Amino acid sequence: MNLDSSANISETITQIIHFVNGEKRTFENILPNTIKQGQFTKFKNTKGTLIMINDKNVLCIEVFAEN
């Protein structure tokens, strides 16, 4: 899944990630230019935290612009 076009809607974004086990996680203040995709999608937030998500466990991702 290529998130490049949807992720560049704002300087910072919020993502709600829906996992295959029914769990949802919300990540705020994501810097879209830091998103790197592979087996693990990696991105950073404005505090510098690196977040890694295993793509095989993800059903869908909701992306929202932040003001």
C-alpha atoms as a PDB file:
ATOM      1  CA  MET A   1       0.000   0.000   0.000  1.00  0.00           C
ATOM      2  CA  ASN A   2       1.567   3.296  -1.080  1.00  0.00           C
ATOM      3  CA  LEU A   3       0.699   6.147   1.300  1.00  0.00           C
ATOM      4  CA  ASP A   4       2.725   8.864  -0.433  1.00  0.00           C
ATOM      5  CA  SER A   5      -0.196  10.735  -2.026  1.00  0.00           C
ATOM      6  CA  SER A   6      -2.588  10.538   0.937  1.00  0.00           C
ATOM      7  CA  ALA A   7       0.024  11.327   3.571  1.00  0.00           C
ATOM      8  CA  ASN A   8       1.195  14.614   2.043  1.00  0.00           C
ATOM      9  CA  ILE A   9      -2.036  16.487   2.772  1.00  0.00           C
ATOM     10  CA  SER A  10      -0.591  18.524   5.655  1.00  0.00           C
ATOM     11  CA  GLU A  11       2.667  19.267   7.501  1.00  0.00           C
ATOM     12  CA  THR A  12       1.547  16.849  10.220  1.00  0.00           C
ATOM     13  CA  ILE A  13      -1.064  14.108  10.091  1.00  0.00           C
ATOM     14  CA  THR A  14      -2.968  11.742  12.360  1.00  0.00           C
ATOM     15  CA  GLN A  15      -3.251   8.067  11.417  1.00  0.00           C
ATOM     16  CA  ILE A  16      -5.702   5.562  12.861  1.00  0.00           C
ATOM     17  CA  ILE A  17      -4.356   2.090  12.100  1.00  0.00           C
ATOM     18  CA  HIS A  18      -6.784  -0.844  12.161  1.00  0.00           C
ATOM     19  CA  PHE A  19      -5.114  -4.186  12.913  1.00  0.00           C
ATOM     20  CA  VAL A  20      -6.300  -7.680  11.911  1.00  0.00           C
ATOM     21  CA  ASN A  21      -7.088  -8.597  15.541  1.00  0.00           C
ATOM     22  CA  GLY A  22      -9.631  -5.751  15.781  1.00  0.00           C
ATOM     23  CA  GLU A  23      -7.367  -3.378  17.708  1.00  0.00           C
ATOM     24  CA  LYS A  24      -7.075   0.269  16.616  1.00  0.00           C
ATOM     25  CA  ARG A  25      -4.175   2.600  17.415  1.00  0.00           C
ATOM     26  CA  THR A  26      -4.136   6.355  16.868  1.00  0.00           C
ATOM     27  CA  PHE A  27      -0.855   8.103  16.114  1.00  0.00           C
ATOM     28  CA  GLU A  28      -0.837  11.917  16.108  1.00  0.00           C
ATOM     29  CA  ASN A  29       1.654  14.554  14.954  1.00  0.00           C
ATOM     30  CA  ILE A  30       3.209  12.317  12.296  1.00  0.00           C
ATOM     31  CA  LEU A  31       5.651  13.966   9.915  1.00  0.00           C
ATOM     32  CA  PRO A  32       4.569  12.663   6.469  1.00  0.00           C
ATOM     33  CA  ASN A  33       8.012  13.154   4.898  1.00  0.00           C
ATOM     34  CA  THR A  34       9.438  10.555   7.344  1.00  0.00           C
ATOM     35  CA  ILE A  35       7.161   7.679   6.212  1.00  0.00           C
ATOM     36  CA  LYS A  36       9.252   4.811   4.783  1.00  0.00           C
ATOM     37  CA  GLN A  37       7.580   1.624   3.593  1.00  0.00           C
ATOM     38  CA  GLY A  38       8.846  -1.948   3.607  1.00  0.00           C
ATOM     39  CA  GLN A  39       7.880  -5.030   5.609  1.00  0.00           C
ATOM     40  CA  PHE A  40       7.716  -2.559   8.493  1.00  0.00           C
ATOM     41  CA  THR A  41       6.349   0.909   7.782  1.00  0.00           C
ATOM     42  CA  LYS A  42       8.404   3.430   9.745  1.00  0.00           C
ATOM     43  CA  PHE A  43       7.598   7.046  10.576  1.00  0.00           C
ATOM     44  CA  LYS A  44       8.434   9.729  13.141  1.00  0.00           C
ATOM     45  CA  ASN A  45       6.276  12.145  15.076  1.00  0.00           C
ATOM     46  CA  THR A  46       7.097  15.735  15.992  1.00  0.00           C
ATOM     47  CA  LYS A  47       8.709  14.599  19.276  1.00  0.00           C
ATOM     48  CA  GLY A  48      11.196  12.472  17.316  1.00  0.00           C
ATOM     49  CA  THR A  49       9.706   9.098  18.297  1.00  0.00           C
ATOM     50  CA  LEU A  50      10.273   6.397  15.666  1.00  0.00           C
ATOM     51  CA  ILE A  51       7.201   4.185  15.154  1.00  0.00           C
ATOM     52  CA  MET A  52       7.413   0.859  13.286  1.00  0.00           C
ATOM     53  CA  ILE A  53       4.307  -1.037  12.119  1.00  0.00           C
ATOM     54  CA  ASN A  54       4.371  -4.585  10.684  1.00  0.00           C
ATOM     55  CA  ASP A  55       2.324  -4.227   7.466  1.00  0.00           C
ATOM     56  CA  LYS A  56       1.077  -7.824   7.465  1.00  0.00           C
ATOM     57  CA  ASN A  57      -0.992  -7.099  10.614  1.00  0.00           C
ATOM     58  CA  VAL A  58      -2.784  -4.025   9.170  1.00  0.00           C
ATOM     59  CA  LEU A  59      -6.272  -4.011   7.624  1.00  0.00           C
ATOM     60  CA  CYS A  60      -6.528  -0.299   6.832  1.00  0.00           C
ATOM     61  CA  ILE A  61      -5.181   3.121   7.735  1.00  0.00           C
ATOM     62  CA  GLU A  62      -7.211   6.307   8.118  1.00  0.00           C
ATOM     63  CA  VAL A  63      -5.262   9.522   7.440  1.00  0.00           C
ATOM     64  CA  PHE A  64      -6.345  12.977   8.648  1.00  0.00           C
ATOM     65  CA  ALA A  65      -4.733  16.380   8.163  1.00  0.00           C
ATOM     66  CA  GLU A  66      -3.912  18.296  11.333  1.00  0.00           C
ATOM     67  CA  ASN A  67      -4.358  22.058  11.569  1.00  0.00           C
END
